[in-house]
Amino acid sequence: MNDDPLVRDLRARIEAADRALIAALNERLELVAALKRHKEERGIEFVDPERERLLVELLHDSNRGPLSPGGLRELYAEILALTKRELDR
C-alpha cells in the first residue's frame, strides 16, 4: 500500500467516482427496462436508432471534457450495446 497521502486521497476519490458510475448505470438499466416494458405493452419497437443518435448528440453538446468526442461516442456505443444485452437476459 502506498503511504503517500495524495495517492491515497486520489484513489479514494476514484473509487467513489467508480461507485457512483455503477449506481448511475444500474439506475439507467432500471429506467430503460421500464421503458422497454411500456413500449412492448403498446407494440412499439424498443430500439430507436434515431433516439440513440440524438442522445449521443445531446451528450456531446454537454460534454466539457476531458472526455474526447470520440471517447464519448465509443463509451455510449458500449453503454447502449450493454443495455440491450442486459435487458435481453
Protein backbone atom coordinates (compact mmCIF):
# COMPACT_ATOMS: atom_id res chain seq x y z
CA MET A 1 0.00 0.00 0.00
CA ASN A 2 1.26 3.43 -0.87
CA ASP A 3 1.85 5.72 2.12
CA ASP A 4 1.63 8.89 0.03
CA PRO A 5 -1.43 10.83 1.33
CA LEU A 6 -2.18 12.33 -2.09
CA VAL A 7 -2.13 8.90 -3.73
CA ARG A 8 -4.48 7.55 -1.03
CA ASP A 9 -6.81 10.53 -1.40
CA LEU A 10 -6.94 10.33 -5.18
CA ARG A 11 -7.53 6.57 -5.10
CA ALA A 12 -10.37 7.02 -2.60
CA ARG A 13 -11.95 9.69 -4.80
CA ILE A 14 -11.57 7.47 -7.88
CA GLU A 15 -13.24 4.59 -6.02
CA ALA A 16 -16.10 6.90 -5.02
CA ALA A 17 -16.50 8.05 -8.63
CA ASP A 18 -16.50 4.42 -9.77
CA ARG A 19 -19.21 3.52 -7.22
CA ALA A 20 -21.28 6.50 -8.42
CA LEU A 21 -20.80 5.39 -12.02
CA ILE A 22 -22.03 1.87 -11.24
CA ALA A 23 -25.02 3.27 -9.34
CA ALA A 24 -25.88 5.52 -12.29
CA LEU A 25 -25.56 2.64 -14.76
CA ASN A 26 -27.80 0.43 -12.64
CA GLU A 27 -30.38 3.23 -12.40
CA ARG A 28 -30.17 3.67 -16.18
CA LEU A 29 -30.77 -0.06 -16.69
CA GLU A 30 -33.84 0.05 -14.44
CA LEU A 31 -35.25 3.05 -16.31
CA VAL A 32 -34.62 1.51 -19.72
CA ALA A 33 -36.20 -1.76 -18.56
CA ALA A 34 -39.34 0.18 -17.57
CA LEU A 35 -39.33 1.93 -20.96
CA LYS A 36 -38.92 -1.40 -22.75
CA ARG A 37 -41.88 -2.93 -20.86
CA HIS A 38 -44.02 0.11 -21.65
CA LYS A 39 -43.12 0.02 -25.34
CA GLU A 40 -43.68 -3.74 -25.59
CA GLU A 41 -47.14 -3.40 -23.99
CA ARG A 42 -48.05 -0.93 -26.71
CA GLY A 43 -46.42 -2.74 -29.62
CA ILE A 44 -43.76 -0.06 -30.06
CA GLU A 45 -40.32 -1.07 -31.32
CA PHE A 46 -37.87 -0.99 -28.42
CA VAL A 47 -34.71 0.06 -30.27
CA ASP A 48 -34.86 3.55 -31.79
CA PRO A 49 -31.66 4.31 -33.70
CA GLU A 50 -32.64 7.94 -34.22
CA ARG A 51 -33.15 8.42 -30.47
CA GLU A 52 -29.76 6.81 -29.83
CA ARG A 53 -28.15 9.21 -32.30
CA LEU A 54 -29.88 12.20 -30.68
CA LEU A 55 -28.82 11.03 -27.21
CA VAL A 56 -25.16 10.93 -28.20
CA GLU A 57 -25.53 14.34 -29.87
CA LEU A 58 -27.08 15.85 -26.72
CA LEU A 59 -24.37 14.33 -24.56
CA HIS A 60 -21.72 15.61 -26.95
CA ASP A 61 -23.10 19.13 -26.58
CA SER A 62 -22.99 18.95 -22.78
CA ASN A 63 -19.59 17.24 -22.52
CA ARG A 64 -16.99 19.66 -21.17
CA GLY A 65 -14.14 17.14 -21.18
CA PRO A 66 -11.61 15.90 -20.67
CA LEU A 67 -13.55 13.05 -22.34
CA SER A 68 -12.99 13.48 -26.06
CA PRO A 69 -15.88 13.46 -28.55
CA GLY A 70 -14.59 10.16 -29.91
CA GLY A 71 -14.31 8.75 -26.41
CA LEU A 72 -17.88 9.80 -25.66
CA ARG A 73 -19.17 8.12 -28.84
CA GLU A 74 -17.24 4.96 -28.01
CA LEU A 75 -18.44 4.95 -24.40
CA TYR A 76 -22.09 5.38 -25.35
CA ALA A 77 -21.90 2.82 -28.14
CA GLU A 78 -20.79 0.33 -25.48
CA ILE A 79 -23.36 1.53 -22.91
CA LEU A 80 -26.17 1.17 -25.44
CA ALA A 81 -24.95 -2.27 -26.54
CA LEU A 82 -24.52 -3.38 -22.93
CA THR A 83 -28.00 -2.13 -22.03
CA LYS A 84 -29.54 -4.18 -24.85
CA ARG A 85 -27.58 -7.27 -23.82
CA GLU A 86 -28.53 -6.90 -20.15
CA LEU A 87 -32.22 -6.46 -20.97
CA ASP A 88 -32.23 -9.50 -23.25
CA ARG A 89 -31.07 -11.81 -20.44
